[in-house]
Amino acid sequence: MSSFLIKKNEEEVNVIKLNLEENGYDFRPRITNSDAKINKITLFNYSMIDVILSKKIDNEFKKIAAIVYDILANDDDNTTSDATIALDEVERLRGIILNKYQKFLEKEKEKKYLKKLRILENELRAKIVCVNSLNNYANENIELDEKRGRGR
């Protein structure tokens, strides 16, 4: 694997080619600069990687937690479909943590994130079951009223 290190002084620009065999964390930065175009950055320092990934996962978790809170606080009929979509988002984040970030995160942080995601998942599943059982109960009552008919 070949990599490059760019050092810029006021007078001259040096490009140094590095051959690194270690596996690092690759990401695309949001740096806009007219002088240089940066496609990819690879980090090899595990403490820096842990900080970056923790921040990234925290942001994603906050978004998902806000969605879950809105779903749990809402009593609309569309709650089941919204809860299913949120459940898919929880599963997606869990898959990313387990498949992509597991080798870079500390084990305690990984367990903490997975535990939080499990709690959100359980709440969403409970909401889905509750709404479905209420809908089934309401449908059974409507059917019973229709079967009885109107008497005097």
Protein backbone atom coordinates (compact mmCIF):
# COMPACT_ATOMS: atom_id res chain seq x y z
CA MET A 1 0.00 0.00 0.00
CA SER A 2 1.47 3.34 -0.94
CA SER A 3 0.60 6.60 0.76
CA PHE A 4 1.70 10.18 0.48
CA LEU A 5 2.66 12.79 3.01
CA ILE A 6 2.41 16.40 1.95
CA LYS A 7 4.45 19.02 3.75
CA LYS A 8 4.03 22.61 2.79
CA ASN A 9 6.50 25.30 3.64
CA GLU A 10 6.19 28.85 2.51
CA GLU A 11 8.84 28.40 -0.17
CA GLU A 12 8.48 24.84 -1.37
CA VAL A 13 6.08 21.90 -1.46
CA ASN A 14 7.36 18.37 -0.76
CA VAL A 15 5.54 15.14 -1.47
CA ILE A 16 6.89 12.08 0.30
CA LYS A 17 5.73 8.59 -0.64
CA LEU A 18 5.24 6.23 2.30
CA ASN A 19 4.80 2.47 2.14
CA LEU A 20 2.68 1.38 5.07
CA GLU A 21 1.54 -2.16 5.70
CA GLU A 22 -0.78 -1.37 8.64
CA ASN A 23 -4.52 -1.18 8.26
CA GLY A 24 -5.92 2.18 9.20
CA TYR A 25 -9.25 3.93 9.18
CA ASP A 26 -10.03 5.59 5.84
CA PHE A 27 -12.45 8.47 5.46
CA ARG A 28 -13.23 11.29 3.06
CA PRO A 29 -12.83 14.70 4.67
CA ARG A 30 -15.10 17.67 4.05
CA ILE A 31 -12.22 19.99 3.31
CA THR A 32 -12.68 22.46 0.51
CA ASN A 33 -9.46 24.02 -0.66
CA SER A 34 -8.64 25.34 -4.06
CA ASP A 35 -4.95 24.47 -3.75
CA ALA A 36 -5.25 20.75 -3.08
CA LYS A 37 -7.92 18.14 -3.60
CA ILE A 38 -8.04 15.55 -0.80
CA ASN A 39 -9.83 12.34 -1.71
CA LYS A 40 -9.06 10.17 1.29
CA ILE A 41 -7.34 10.35 4.66
CA THR A 42 -6.06 7.27 6.47
CA LEU A 43 -5.46 7.36 10.22
CA PHE A 44 -3.24 4.87 11.99
CA ASN A 45 -3.36 6.28 15.52
CA TYR A 46 -6.02 4.19 17.31
CA SER A 47 -6.77 6.82 19.96
CA MET A 48 -7.55 9.39 17.23
CA ILE A 49 -9.64 6.86 15.36
CA ASP A 50 -11.56 6.04 18.55
CA VAL A 51 -12.34 9.73 19.16
CA ILE A 52 -13.48 10.33 15.59
CA LEU A 53 -15.66 7.22 15.46
CA SER A 54 -17.14 7.91 18.90
CA LYS A 55 -18.17 11.38 17.78
CA LYS A 56 -19.60 10.01 14.55
CA ILE A 57 -21.57 7.27 16.31
CA ASP A 58 -22.82 9.70 18.97
CA ASN A 59 -24.22 12.00 16.28
CA GLU A 60 -25.96 9.11 14.53
CA PHE A 61 -27.29 7.80 17.83
CA LYS A 62 -28.70 11.23 18.77
CA LYS A 63 -30.56 11.41 15.45
CA ILE A 64 -32.01 7.93 15.88
CA ALA A 65 -32.89 8.55 19.54
CA ALA A 66 -34.78 11.72 18.58
CA ILE A 67 -36.74 9.79 15.95
CA VAL A 68 -37.53 7.01 18.43
CA TYR A 69 -38.64 9.54 21.06
CA ASP A 70 -41.01 11.19 18.57
CA ILE A 71 -42.46 7.81 17.63
CA LEU A 72 -42.95 6.75 21.24
CA ALA A 73 -44.59 10.07 22.15
CA ASN A 74 -46.90 10.03 19.11
CA ASP A 75 -50.18 8.07 19.07
CA ASP A 76 -51.03 8.23 15.37
CA ASP A 77 -52.13 5.31 13.22
CA ASN A 78 -48.95 5.57 11.14
CA THR A 79 -46.84 4.80 14.20
CA THR A 80 -46.30 1.19 13.18
CA SER A 81 -44.74 2.05 9.83
CA ASP A 82 -42.64 4.82 11.39
CA ALA A 83 -41.49 2.45 14.15
CA THR A 84 -40.54 -0.15 11.55
CA ILE A 85 -38.47 2.41 9.65
CA ALA A 86 -36.78 3.55 12.89
CA LEU A 87 -36.13 -0.10 13.77
CA ASP A 88 -34.37 -0.50 10.42
CA GLU A 89 -32.22 2.55 11.22
CA VAL A 90 -31.27 1.05 14.59
CA GLU A 91 -30.33 -2.21 12.87
CA ARG A 92 -28.32 -0.30 10.26
CA LEU A 93 -26.30 1.54 12.92
CA ARG A 94 -25.74 -1.73 14.82
CA GLY A 95 -24.48 -3.37 11.63
CA ILE A 96 -22.10 -0.49 10.94
CA ILE A 97 -20.70 -0.68 14.47
CA LEU A 98 -20.26 -4.45 14.35
CA ASN A 99 -18.96 -4.78 10.80
CA LYS A 100 -17.06 -1.59 10.08
CA TYR A 101 -16.00 0.03 13.37
CA GLN A 102 -15.54 -2.94 15.69
CA LYS A 103 -11.80 -3.30 15.12
CA PHE A 104 -11.18 0.39 15.87
CA LEU A 105 -13.43 1.01 18.89
CA GLU A 106 -12.61 0.17 22.49
CA LYS A 107 -14.58 -2.86 23.70
CA GLU A 108 -16.29 -0.92 26.51
CA LYS A 109 -17.53 1.76 24.11
CA GLU A 110 -18.72 -0.86 21.66
CA LYS A 111 -20.69 -2.64 24.39
CA LYS A 112 -22.14 0.68 25.57
CA TYR A 113 -23.35 1.62 22.07
CA LEU A 114 -24.80 -1.83 21.43
CA LYS A 115 -26.61 -1.77 24.79
CA LYS A 116 -28.14 1.63 24.01
CA LEU A 117 -29.23 0.42 20.58
CA ARG A 118 -30.76 -2.70 22.13
CA ILE A 119 -32.81 -0.51 24.49
CA LEU A 120 -34.10 1.59 21.58
CA GLU A 121 -34.90 -1.56 19.64
CA ASN A 122 -36.84 -3.06 22.56
CA GLU A 123 -38.87 0.14 23.00
CA LEU A 124 -39.73 0.22 19.30
CA ARG A 125 -40.73 -3.43 19.27
CA ALA A 126 -42.93 -2.88 22.33
CA LYS A 127 -44.59 0.10 20.61
CA ILE A 128 -45.25 -1.96 17.47
CA VAL A 129 -46.79 -4.79 19.49
CA CYS A 130 -48.91 -2.36 21.51
CA VAL A 131 -50.27 -0.55 18.44
CA ASN A 132 -50.95 -3.82 16.63
CA SER A 133 -52.80 -5.29 19.60
CA LEU A 134 -54.89 -2.11 19.96
CA ASN A 135 -55.75 -2.19 16.26
CA ASN A 136 -56.70 -5.86 16.45
CA TYR A 137 -58.87 -5.21 19.52
CA ALA A 138 -60.61 -2.31 17.79
CA ASN A 139 -61.20 -4.41 14.65
CA GLU A 140 -62.69 -7.26 16.73
CA ASN A 141 -65.06 -4.86 18.49
CA ILE A 142 -66.22 -3.42 15.16
CA GLU A 143 -66.85 -6.93 13.81
CA LEU A 144 -68.83 -7.90 16.93
CA ASP A 145 -70.96 -4.77 16.65
CA GLU A 146 -71.69 -5.53 12.99
CA LYS A 147 -72.65 -9.14 13.76
CA ARG A 148 -75.07 -8.15 16.51
CA GLY A 149 -76.97 -5.83 14.30
CA ARG A 150 -79.42 -3.34 15.56
CA GLY A 151 -82.14 -4.56 17.80
CA ARG A 152 -84.96 -2.89 19.57
